[in-house]
Every structure is written in structure tokens, then in C-alpha cells.
Protein backbone atom coordinates (compact mmCIF):
# COMPACT_ATOMS: atom_id res chain seq x y z
CA UNK A 1 16.01 -18.15 -29.92
CA UNK A 2 13.20 -16.01 -28.59
CA UNK A 3 10.73 -17.98 -30.70
CA UNK A 4 11.86 -21.14 -28.89
CA UNK A 5 11.12 -19.39 -25.61
CA UNK A 6 7.55 -18.68 -26.69
CA UNK A 7 7.01 -22.23 -27.92
CA UNK A 8 8.31 -23.66 -24.68
CA UNK A 9 5.51 -21.99 -22.76
CA UNK A 10 2.71 -22.03 -25.34
CA UNK A 11 -0.49 -23.75 -24.34
CA UNK A 12 0.28 -23.93 -20.62
CA UNK A 13 -1.49 -20.97 -19.02
CA UNK A 14 -1.75 -21.37 -15.24
CA UNK A 15 -4.36 -20.27 -12.77
CA UNK A 16 -1.82 -18.78 -10.41
CA UNK A 17 -1.19 -15.81 -8.22
CA UNK A 18 0.43 -12.78 -9.72
CA UNK A 19 4.13 -12.04 -8.65
CA UNK A 20 3.16 -9.01 -6.78
CA UNK A 21 -0.73 -8.91 -7.13
CA UNK A 22 -1.17 -12.37 -5.89
CA UNK A 23 -3.01 -11.65 -2.72
CA UNK A 24 -6.39 -11.25 -4.41
CA UNK A 25 -6.37 -14.75 -5.90
CA UNK A 26 -6.32 -16.33 -2.44
CA UNK A 27 -9.97 -15.24 -2.20
CA UNK A 28 -10.77 -18.23 -4.37
CA UNK A 29 -9.99 -20.63 -1.53
CA UNK A 30 -12.48 -21.76 1.10
CA UNK A 31 -11.87 -21.26 4.83
CA UNK A 32 -8.96 -22.71 6.79
CA UNK A 33 -8.28 -22.10 10.45
CA UNK A 34 -5.54 -19.50 10.68
CA UNK A 35 -2.13 -20.66 11.78
CA UNK A 36 0.84 -18.59 12.95
CA UNK A 37 2.58 -16.78 10.13
CA UNK A 38 5.59 -14.51 9.80
CA UNK A 39 5.66 -11.44 12.00
CA UNK A 40 4.82 -8.21 10.20
CA UNK A 41 7.92 -6.01 9.81
CA UNK A 42 8.28 -3.29 12.44
CA UNK A 43 8.77 -0.68 9.72
CA UNK A 44 5.13 -0.84 8.60
CA UNK A 45 3.36 2.34 9.79
CA UNK A 46 0.78 1.92 12.53
CA UNK A 47 -2.09 3.10 10.28
CA UNK A 48 -1.39 0.36 7.74
CA UNK A 49 -0.43 -2.23 10.34
CA UNK A 50 -3.88 -2.04 11.94
CA UNK A 51 -5.71 -3.05 8.74
CA UNK A 52 -3.23 -5.87 8.18
CA UNK A 53 -3.66 -7.23 11.69
CA UNK A 54 -7.43 -7.10 11.31
CA UNK A 55 -7.02 -9.68 8.53
CA UNK A 56 -4.18 -11.80 9.91
CA UNK A 57 -5.64 -12.17 13.41
CA UNK A 58 -9.21 -12.82 12.21
CA UNK A 59 -8.45 -14.74 9.05
CA UNK A 60 -11.07 -16.99 7.53
CA UNK A 61 -8.19 -18.94 6.04
CA UNK A 62 -4.42 -18.99 6.10
CA UNK A 63 -1.87 -20.91 4.10
CA UNK A 64 1.88 -21.19 3.76
CA UNK A 65 4.02 -22.70 1.03
CA UNK A 66 7.75 -22.83 0.34
CA UNK A 67 9.08 -23.79 -3.06
CA UNK A 68 12.15 -25.59 -4.28
CA UNK A 69 15.25 -23.37 -4.49
CA UNK A 70 16.03 -22.01 -7.95
CA UNK A 71 19.01 -20.26 -9.50
CA UNK A 72 18.58 -16.76 -10.91
CA UNK A 73 19.95 -13.26 -10.84
CA UNK A 74 18.49 -11.83 -7.64
CA UNK A 75 18.14 -8.33 -9.09
CA UNK A 76 15.82 -9.68 -11.81
CA UNK A 77 13.71 -11.53 -9.26
CA UNK A 78 13.42 -8.42 -7.06
CA UNK A 79 12.60 -6.16 -10.03
CA UNK A 80 9.62 -8.33 -10.95
CA UNK A 81 8.42 -8.36 -7.34
CA UNK A 82 8.52 -4.59 -7.21
CA UNK A 83 6.93 -4.03 -10.65
CA UNK A 84 3.84 -6.27 -10.66
CA UNK A 85 2.25 -4.61 -13.69
CA UNK A 86 5.36 -5.27 -15.78
CA UNK A 87 5.72 -8.74 -14.25
CA UNK A 88 2.30 -9.74 -15.58
CA UNK A 89 3.34 -8.65 -19.06
CA UNK A 90 6.28 -11.04 -18.72
CA UNK A 91 4.20 -13.98 -17.47
CA UNK A 92 1.50 -13.44 -20.11
CA UNK A 93 4.11 -13.15 -22.86
CA UNK A 94 5.70 -16.42 -21.75
CA UNK A 95 2.24 -18.00 -21.31
CA UNK A 96 2.98 -18.88 -17.71
CA UNK A 97 -0.11 -17.15 -16.31
CA UNK A 98 -3.19 -15.39 -17.65
CA UNK A 99 -3.75 -12.73 -14.99
CA UNK A 100 -3.10 -9.06 -15.65
CA UNK A 101 -2.28 -6.09 -13.44
CA UNK A 102 -2.94 -2.47 -14.37
CA UNK A 103 -2.79 0.90 -12.67
CA UNK A 104 -5.76 3.17 -12.03
CA UNK A 105 -5.79 6.55 -10.22
CA UNK A 106 -6.64 4.72 -6.98
CA UNK A 107 -3.81 2.17 -7.29
CA UNK A 108 -3.02 -1.24 -8.75
CA UNK A 109 -5.74 -3.65 -9.87
CA UNK A 110 -5.64 -7.36 -10.66
CA UNK A 111 -7.87 -9.55 -12.83
CA UNK A 112 -6.89 -13.23 -12.66
CA UNK A 113 -9.05 -14.20 -15.65
CA UNK A 114 -11.13 -16.64 -13.59
CA UNK A 115 -13.53 -14.29 -11.82
CA UNK A 116 -11.30 -12.57 -9.26
CA UNK A 117 -10.93 -8.80 -9.50
CA UNK A 118 -9.50 -6.54 -6.82
CA UNK A 119 -7.31 -3.63 -5.83
CA UNK A 120 -4.03 -4.20 -4.01
CA UNK A 121 -0.96 -2.40 -2.79
CA UNK A 122 2.55 -3.28 -1.68
CA UNK A 123 2.63 -1.96 1.87
CA UNK A 124 6.16 -3.09 2.67
CA UNK A 125 9.20 -3.69 0.47
CA UNK A 126 12.29 -4.43 2.51
CA UNK A 127 15.27 -6.73 2.45
CA UNK A 128 13.99 -10.26 2.00
CA UNK A 129 10.25 -9.55 2.32
CA UNK A 130 7.26 -8.02 0.59
CA UNK A 131 3.88 -7.49 2.26
CA UNK A 132 0.74 -6.88 0.20
CA UNK A 133 -2.81 -5.91 1.11
CA UNK A 134 -5.81 -6.45 -1.14
CA UNK A 135 -9.57 -6.04 -1.30
CA UNK A 136 -11.40 -7.97 -3.97
CA UNK A 137 -14.28 -10.15 -5.06
CA UNK A 138 -14.81 -13.46 -6.79
CA UNK A 139 -17.78 -13.65 -9.15
CA UNK A 140 -19.10 -16.40 -11.36
CA UNK A 141 -22.46 -16.19 -13.17
CA UNK A 142 -23.96 -19.01 -11.08
CA UNK A 143 -22.72 -17.75 -7.68
CA UNK A 144 -23.21 -14.61 -5.61
CA UNK A 145 -20.15 -12.39 -5.41
CA UNK A 146 -17.72 -13.33 -2.63
CA UNK A 147 -15.95 -10.30 -1.15
CA UNK A 148 -12.88 -10.36 1.03
CA UNK A 149 -9.58 -8.87 2.13
CA UNK A 150 -6.18 -10.51 1.94
CA UNK A 151 -2.67 -10.11 3.29
CA UNK A 152 0.19 -11.88 1.56
CA UNK A 153 3.74 -12.04 2.85
CA UNK A 154 6.46 -13.08 0.40
CA UNK A 155 9.75 -13.97 2.06
CA UNK A 156 12.90 -14.81 0.16
CA UNK A 157 16.58 -15.40 0.72
CA UNK A 158 19.50 -15.56 -1.70
CA UNK A 159 22.74 -17.50 -1.37
CA UNK A 160 25.65 -16.79 -3.74
CA UNK A 161 26.07 -19.10 -6.73
CA UNK A 162 28.30 -19.10 -9.81
CA UNK A 163 28.39 -16.44 -12.55
CA UNK A 164 26.88 -13.68 -10.43
CA UNK A 165 23.70 -15.62 -9.77
CA UNK A 166 22.10 -16.74 -6.53
CA UNK A 167 20.19 -19.70 -5.19
CA UNK A 168 16.85 -18.18 -4.23
CA UNK A 169 14.49 -19.64 -1.66
CA UNK A 170 10.99 -18.15 -1.65
CA UNK A 171 8.00 -18.74 0.59
CA UNK A 172 4.47 -17.33 0.55
CA UNK A 173 2.11 -16.91 3.49
CA UNK A 174 -1.42 -15.74 2.80
CA UNK A 175 -4.32 -14.68 5.04
CA UNK A 176 -7.86 -14.03 3.82
CA UNK A 177 -10.80 -12.53 5.70
CA UNK A 178 -14.06 -13.23 3.90
CA UNK A 179 -16.74 -10.55 4.19
CA UNK A 180 -19.60 -12.97 3.45
CA UNK A 181 -20.61 -14.60 6.78
CA UNK A 182 -22.52 -17.45 5.14
CA UNK A 183 -19.66 -18.30 2.80
CA UNK A 184 -17.24 -18.16 5.72
CA UNK A 185 -19.39 -20.52 7.79
CA UNK A 186 -19.72 -23.04 4.96
CA UNK A 187 -15.99 -22.79 4.29
CA UNK A 188 -15.13 -23.72 7.88
CA UNK A 189 -17.14 -26.90 7.47
CA UNK A 190 -14.92 -27.76 4.50
CA UNK A 191 -11.60 -26.83 6.12
CA UNK A 192 -9.78 -30.03 5.09
CA UNK A 193 -10.48 -29.47 1.39
CA UNK A 194 -9.78 -25.77 1.79
CA UNK A 195 -6.38 -26.49 3.33
CA UNK A 196 -5.30 -28.54 0.33
CA UNK A 197 -6.61 -25.98 -2.16
CA UNK A 198 -5.09 -22.96 -0.47
CA UNK A 199 -1.72 -24.65 -0.15
CA UNK A 200 -1.83 -25.66 -3.81
CA UNK A 201 -2.49 -22.04 -4.85
CA UNK A 202 0.45 -20.81 -2.77
CA UNK A 203 2.75 -23.49 -4.19
CA UNK A 204 1.72 -22.42 -7.69
CA UNK A 205 2.83 -18.89 -6.94
CA UNK A 206 6.27 -20.05 -5.88
CA UNK A 207 6.50 -22.12 -9.07
CA UNK A 208 5.73 -19.00 -11.11
CA UNK A 209 8.67 -17.26 -9.45
CA UNK A 210 10.99 -20.06 -10.50
CA UNK A 211 9.63 -20.57 -14.03
CA UNK A 212 9.64 -16.89 -14.91
CA UNK A 213 13.13 -16.11 -13.66
CA UNK A 214 14.48 -19.32 -15.20
CA UNK A 215 13.03 -18.42 -18.61
CA UNK A 216 14.60 -14.98 -18.44
CA UNK A 217 17.92 -16.43 -17.35
CA UNK A 218 17.93 -19.01 -20.17
CA UNK A 219 17.22 -16.50 -22.94
CA UNK A 220 17.25 -12.86 -21.75
CA UNK A 221 17.50 -11.39 -25.27
CA UNK A 222 14.67 -13.57 -26.54
CA UNK A 223 12.35 -12.67 -23.67
CA UNK A 224 13.12 -8.97 -24.11
CA UNK A 225 12.42 -9.16 -27.82
CA UNK A 226 9.06 -10.83 -27.23
CA UNK A 227 8.15 -8.07 -24.79
CA UNK A 228 9.35 -5.37 -27.19
CA UNK A 229 6.94 -6.67 -29.84
CA UNK A 230 3.94 -6.15 -27.54
CA UNK A 231 2.59 -2.59 -27.91
CA UNK A 232 0.94 -2.65 -24.47
CA UNK A 233 4.18 -3.17 -22.53
CA UNK A 234 5.21 0.06 -20.74
CA UNK A 235 8.22 1.48 -22.56
CA UNK A 236 9.90 2.88 -19.43
CA UNK A 237 9.86 -0.47 -17.61
CA UNK A 238 10.93 -2.24 -20.79
CA UNK A 239 14.01 0.00 -21.03
CA UNK A 240 14.79 -0.53 -17.35
CA UNK A 241 14.46 -4.26 -17.90
CA UNK A 242 16.81 -4.14 -20.89
CA UNK A 243 19.44 -2.37 -18.82
CA UNK A 244 18.93 -4.81 -15.96
CA UNK A 245 19.55 -7.71 -18.35
CA UNK A 246 22.66 -5.90 -19.66
CA UNK A 247 21.48 -6.15 -23.25
CA UNK A 248 22.83 -3.90 -26.03
């Protein structure tokens, strides 16, 4: 059945945000006047909170998107949120997204496959929320590099459903501060188009949440087997994932 899982997703790579490294991709959007977003959790240390506020209160753009509820095992959803490197192996294996996340001595890095590269970190992981901070750049051969910083807040809730599963509601709020003054100025002149684009990117991320967890839920053994066949998948996370899926 795992071959059917691969076929179901073949040929449909998405330009989307990574499950946990997603903040960098928002740099692709133009500028949108910032709107109120979720309050940053009180548990974030003051030293990290200051760099987050510098972005959220002076954002070149901000966007918010909530997706349709989906049914999944909440522990699987949370595991992917907290293991972004492994999560990108899952999404690439299922051909849901083309980005990749890897770890360097200075932290996690993301390459979305479309010109965005950056370093990011999960600065808060608490009940019902994840907060991420990123610095990155967008570069195409015909454009100067666009540098920026991003804060992404992922909020989610889970309501009990049948068979040990939950109905999960997820929402994404993103803030980006562009470090290129000229690009920022031009972007503000195009705020209407930027609003639509930024919201579309955020909605795509929420769709990735649903599609990935649904694929795992429909065929956990098949997804695990596809991952096992990839030599680049970290063995420790693969074993943790197997146990999480309660596979023999």
C-alpha cells in the first residue's frame, strides 16, 4: 500500500512553507501593513522576546491564515512540528513540498528550492503554540538578494474525535521585516497584491499540515516504509516515528 501512497502525491510538489522552518519562506512576499497578531507567550525569555518584537512591531508585512479542521492523531502532528528536519523528509517523500531543512553547528537551515535560504530556530514550544524566528534571503539570478527577518506563530487546538484521534484546528500568523529599504518601499506601494500573496502562502502551510498528517493516518506503515528506504533520513527520528505510529 505504500506504493499507492507515493503515487497519490507524485507530480504535485508545492511551493509551501516548511512545518517548522516555514518562517523563511514568508520573505518571498511583498509588503503588507502589519495587523494585530497573537500575543507572544509570556514564557519567552526577555533576550529573545526583544528580537521578536523588533520584527512584529515594525513588520514590513504581516499575514494570518486559518485552515479547515482536519482529523489526525495529535501526537503525530506535534512530533512533526517539533522535528522540522524530519518533517521535511516526510513531505519530500510524499511529494507534498520540495523544501528541505538541515542542521548545521549554528542551528537549523531551510532551503525552499525557489531561492529562499535562511537560518531559523523554534524559540517557543508550548501547549497549543509554536513561535519561530528566522533570518534569510531570497535570491534569483535576475534580482538583487532580498534580506529579511521573520517571526511565525503557529497556533493549534485539538478536540477529541473517534479512535483516539482529534479534530485539529491550525492557524499561522507571520511577520516579516525586510532589510532592503528600497524593496520595502516598493512593496508598500503594492500592498493589495502583497496581501493576497502572503495570505495564500500562509494558507498553503496550513494545507501542508492537513495533507501530511492525513497521508500518515491513511497508511502509516506505507509512509514509514517509504522513509526507511531513503538513506538520508535520520535513523533516530525514524525509530521514534515508528514507535509513535505503533508499528511492529
